C-alpha atoms as a PDB file:
ATOM      1  CA  MET A   1      -0.114   0.093   0.077  1.00  0.00           C
ATOM      2  CA  LEU A   2       2.741   2.366   0.743  1.00  0.00           C
ATOM      3  CA  PRO A   3       4.645   2.027  -2.440  1.00  0.00           C
ATOM      4  CA  GLY A   4       1.369   2.941  -4.322  1.00  0.00           C
ATOM      5  CA  LEU A   5       0.949   5.991  -2.070  1.00  0.00           C
ATOM      6  CA  LEU A   6       4.708   7.108  -2.564  1.00  0.00           C
ATOM      7  CA  SER A   7       4.266   6.377  -6.326  1.00  0.00           C
ATOM      8  CA  SER A   8       1.164   8.697  -6.612  1.00  0.00           C
ATOM      9  CA  ILE A   9       2.833  11.529  -4.731  1.00  0.00           C
ATOM     10  CA  LEU A  10       6.224  11.697  -6.153  1.00  0.00           C
ATOM     11  CA  PRO A  11       5.263  13.057  -9.710  1.00  0.00           C
ATOM     12  CA  GLY A  12       3.994  16.276  -7.960  1.00  0.00           C
ATOM     13  CA  LEU A  13       7.572  17.149  -6.994  1.00  0.00           C
ATOM     14  CA  GLU A  14       8.336  17.895 -10.672  1.00  0.00           C
ATOM     15  CA  GLU A  15       5.681  20.397 -11.107  1.00  0.00           C
ATOM     16  CA  LYS A  16       7.857  23.304 -10.199  1.00  0.00           C
ATOM     17  CA  ASN A  17       5.173  24.662  -7.980  1.00  0.00           C
ATOM     18  CA  GLU A  18       6.709  25.842  -4.502  1.00  0.00           C
ATOM     19  CA  GLU A  19       3.589  25.405  -2.609  1.00  0.00           C
ATOM     20  CA  GLN A  20       2.687  22.114  -3.997  1.00  0.00           C
ATOM     21  CA  GLU A  21       6.322  21.104  -3.334  1.00  0.00           C
ATOM     22  CA  ARG A  22       5.992  22.254   0.337  1.00  0.00           C
ATOM     23  CA  ILE A  23       2.756  20.476   0.801  1.00  0.00           C
ATOM     24  CA  LEU A  24       3.996  17.136  -0.593  1.00  0.00           C
ATOM     25  CA  LYS A  25       7.232  17.452   1.531  1.00  0.00           C
ATOM     26  CA  ASP A  26       5.045  17.857   4.512  1.00  0.00           C
ATOM     27  CA  ILE A  27       3.080  14.672   3.591  1.00  0.00           C
ATOM     28  CA  PHE A  28       6.329  12.704   3.219  1.00  0.00           C
ATOM     29  CA  LYS A  29       7.390  13.985   6.522  1.00  0.00           C
ATOM     30  CA  SER A  30       4.154  12.819   8.173  1.00  0.00           C
ATOM     31  CA  ILE A  31       4.531   9.314   6.538  1.00  0.00           C
ATOM     32  CA  ARG A  32       8.113   9.170   7.846  1.00  0.00           C
ATOM     33  CA  ILE A  33       6.788  10.180  11.387  1.00  0.00           C
ATOM     34  CA  LYS A  34       4.226   7.289  11.423  1.00  0.00           C
ATOM     35  CA  ILE A  35       6.739   4.559  10.169  1.00  0.00           C
ATOM     36  CA  GLU A  36      10.429   4.183  10.812  1.00  0.00           C
ATOM     37  CA  ASP A  37      12.902   6.006   8.666  1.00  0.00           C
ATOM     38  CA  SER A  38      14.597   2.823   7.313  1.00  0.00           C
ATOM     39  CA  TYR A  39      11.279   1.364   6.236  1.00  0.00           C
ATOM     40  CA  PHE A  40      10.278   4.623   4.520  1.00  0.00           C
ATOM     41  CA  TYR A  41      13.481   5.001   2.663  1.00  0.00           C
ATOM     42  CA  GLY A  42      13.528   1.243   1.822  1.00  0.00           C
ATOM     43  CA  LEU A  43      10.333   1.751   0.157  1.00  0.00           C
ATOM     44  CA  LEU A  44      11.421   5.007  -1.527  1.00  0.00           C
ATOM     45  CA  TRP A  45      14.687   3.477  -2.864  1.00  0.00           C
ATOM     46  CA  THR A  46      12.534   0.595  -4.096  1.00  0.00           C
ATOM     47  CA  VAL A  47      10.026   2.788  -5.908  1.00  0.00           C
ATOM     48  CA  VAL A  48      12.845   4.740  -7.704  1.00  0.00           C
ATOM     49  CA  LEU A  49      14.572   1.469  -8.747  1.00  0.00           C
ATOM     50  CA  ARG A  50      11.254  -0.138 -10.074  1.00  0.00           C
ATOM     51  CA  THR A  51       9.576   2.741 -11.740  1.00  0.00           C
ATOM     52  CA  THR A  52      11.459   4.487 -14.494  1.00  0.00           C
ATOM     53  CA  ARG A  53       9.094   7.529 -14.699  1.00  0.00           C
ATOM     54  CA  LEU A  54       9.440   8.284 -10.961  1.00  0.00           C
ATOM     55  CA  ARG A  55      13.345   8.153 -10.860  1.00  0.00           C
ATOM     56  CA  ALA A  56      13.898  11.913 -11.254  1.00  0.00           C
ATOM     57  CA  SER A  57      11.244  13.080  -8.509  1.00  0.00           C
ATOM     58  CA  GLY A  58      12.305  10.150  -6.302  1.00  0.00           C
ATOM     59  CA  LEU A  59      16.002  11.301  -6.474  1.00  0.00           C
ATOM     60  CA  LEU A  60      15.041  14.844  -5.951  1.00  0.00           C
ATOM     61  CA  TYR A  61      13.317  13.961  -2.746  1.00  0.00           C
ATOM     62  CA  LEU A  62      16.223  11.584  -1.651  1.00  0.00           C
ATOM     63  CA  LYS A  63      18.520  14.614  -2.467  1.00  0.00           C
ATOM     64  CA  TYR A  64      16.289  16.953  -0.282  1.00  0.00           C
ATOM     65  CA  SER A  65      15.782  14.822   2.711  1.00  0.00           C
ATOM     66  CA  ILE A  66      19.104  12.878   3.060  1.00  0.00           C
ATOM     67  CA  PRO A  67      21.432  15.026   5.175  1.00  0.00           C
ATOM     68  CA  PHE A  68      24.714  16.133   3.404  1.00  0.00           C
ATOM     69  CA  TYR A  69      27.798  14.333   4.496  1.00  0.00           C
ATOM     70  CA  ASN A  70      28.949  17.267   6.507  1.00  0.00           C
ATOM     71  CA  THR A  71      26.288  16.489   9.133  1.00  0.00           C
ATOM     72  CA  PHE A  72      27.533  12.930   9.679  1.00  0.00           C
ATOM     73  CA  ASN A  73      29.724  12.161  12.667  1.00  0.00           C
ATOM     74  CA  GLU A  74      31.164   9.116  14.228  1.00  0.00           C
ATOM     75  CA  SER A  75      28.424   8.920  17.088  1.00  0.00           C
ATOM     76  CA  ASN A  76      25.423   8.865  14.625  1.00  0.00           C
ATOM     77  CA  ILE A  77      26.908   7.161  11.435  1.00  0.00           C
ATOM     78  CA  GLU A  78      25.477   3.705  12.140  1.00  0.00           C
ATOM     79  CA  GLN A  79      21.941   5.280  12.557  1.00  0.00           C
ATOM     80  CA  MET A  80      22.264   7.456   9.305  1.00  0.00           C
ATOM     81  CA  ILE A  81      23.229   4.232   7.379  1.00  0.00           C
ATOM     82  CA  GLN A  82      20.296   2.239   8.764  1.00  0.00           C
ATOM     83  CA  ASN A  83      17.839   5.112   8.264  1.00  0.00           C
ATOM     84  CA  TYR A  84      18.829   6.409   4.812  1.00  0.00           C
ATOM     85  CA  TYR A  85      20.630   3.662   2.986  1.00  0.00           C
ATOM     86  CA  PRO A  86      18.729   0.350   3.978  1.00  0.00           C
ATOM     87  CA  ASN A  87      19.961  -2.707   2.586  1.00  0.00           C
ATOM     88  CA  ARG A  88      22.918  -0.743   1.287  1.00  0.00           C
ATOM     89  CA  SER A  89      24.911  -3.644  -0.164  1.00  0.00           C
ATOM     90  CA  SER A  90      22.168  -4.053  -2.861  1.00  0.00           C
ATOM     91  CA  LEU A  91      19.162  -1.850  -3.121  1.00  0.00           C
ATOM     92  CA  VAL A  92      20.766   1.621  -2.992  1.00  0.00           C
ATOM     93  CA  ILE A  93      23.755   0.656  -5.319  1.00  0.00           C
ATOM     94  CA  ASN A  94      21.317  -1.061  -7.796  1.00  0.00           C
ATOM     95  CA  CYS A  95      19.082   2.044  -7.834  1.00  0.00           C
ATOM     96  CA  LEU A  96      22.002   4.323  -8.431  1.00  0.00           C
ATOM     97  CA  ILE A  97      23.149   2.168 -11.228  1.00  0.00           C
ATOM     98  CA  THR A  98      19.745   2.126 -13.051  1.00  0.00           C
ATOM     99  CA  CYS A  99      19.383   5.975 -12.716  1.00  0.00           C
ATOM    100  CA  LYS A 100      22.153   6.715 -14.987  1.00  0.00           C
ATOM    101  CA  GLU A 101      20.186   9.189 -17.107  1.00  0.00           C
ATOM    102  CA  ILE A 102      22.307  12.347 -17.880  1.00  0.00           C
ATOM    103  CA  ARG A 103      19.712  14.648 -16.450  1.00  0.00           C
ATOM    104  CA  LEU A 104      19.896  12.979 -13.148  1.00  0.00           C
ATOM    105  CA  MET A 105      23.785  12.991 -12.914  1.00  0.00           C
ATOM    106  CA  SER A 106      24.079  16.052 -10.709  1.00  0.00           C
ATOM    107  CA  ILE A 107      21.504  14.731  -8.090  1.00  0.00           C
ATOM    108  CA  ILE A 108      23.169  11.161  -8.266  1.00  0.00           C
ATOM    109  CA  TYR A 109      26.381  12.843  -7.588  1.00  0.00           C
ATOM    110  CA  VAL A 110      25.226  14.310  -4.336  1.00  0.00           C
ATOM    111  CA  ILE A 111      23.685  11.146  -3.169  1.00  0.00           C
ATOM    112  CA  ILE A 112      26.830   9.161  -3.997  1.00  0.00           C
ATOM    113  CA  SER A 113      28.972  11.640  -2.256  1.00  0.00           C
ATOM    114  CA  SER A 114      27.153  11.214   0.998  1.00  0.00           C
ATOM    115  CA  TYR A 115      26.887   7.329   0.566  1.00  0.00           C
ATOM    116  CA  PHE A 116      30.608   6.873   0.020  1.00  0.00           C
ATOM    117  CA  TYR A 117      31.543   9.495   2.781  1.00  0.00           C
ATOM    118  CA  ILE A 118      29.879   7.531   5.406  1.00  0.00           C
ATOM    119  CA  PHE A 119      31.627   4.251   4.485  1.00  0.00           C
ATOM    120  CA  TYR A 120      34.918   6.263   4.610  1.00  0.00           C
ATOM    121  CA  LEU A 121      33.880   7.310   8.176  1.00  0.00           C
ATOM    122  CA  LEU A 122      33.425   3.744   9.019  1.00  0.00           C
ATOM    123  CA  LEU A 123      36.907   2.676   7.958  1.00  0.00           C
END
């Protein structure tokens, strides 16, 4: 049920309407409050992986909602990984590989930078 809800909301982020974007981000925030972040982001990464037409809007939301790597520190690194990069060994990497369209590269760069920085901190 939740993947369908996310799939129906994500296209609205591409409309370039600031008021609509704010409302949709509030809806996503409400959903995240009701369920665990790791479950929410697991569903979101899965929707982006499986649905070509939602990749741009899904990655835009991920870029907006995942904290940049400069907010990570050693005390919260494990929690950040569990929350934002669930099942990191396959789901996130497969998603980023499938999202190779040129127009998404700048968004992917930001997400990958954060992703690899966390693993650098774990070394």
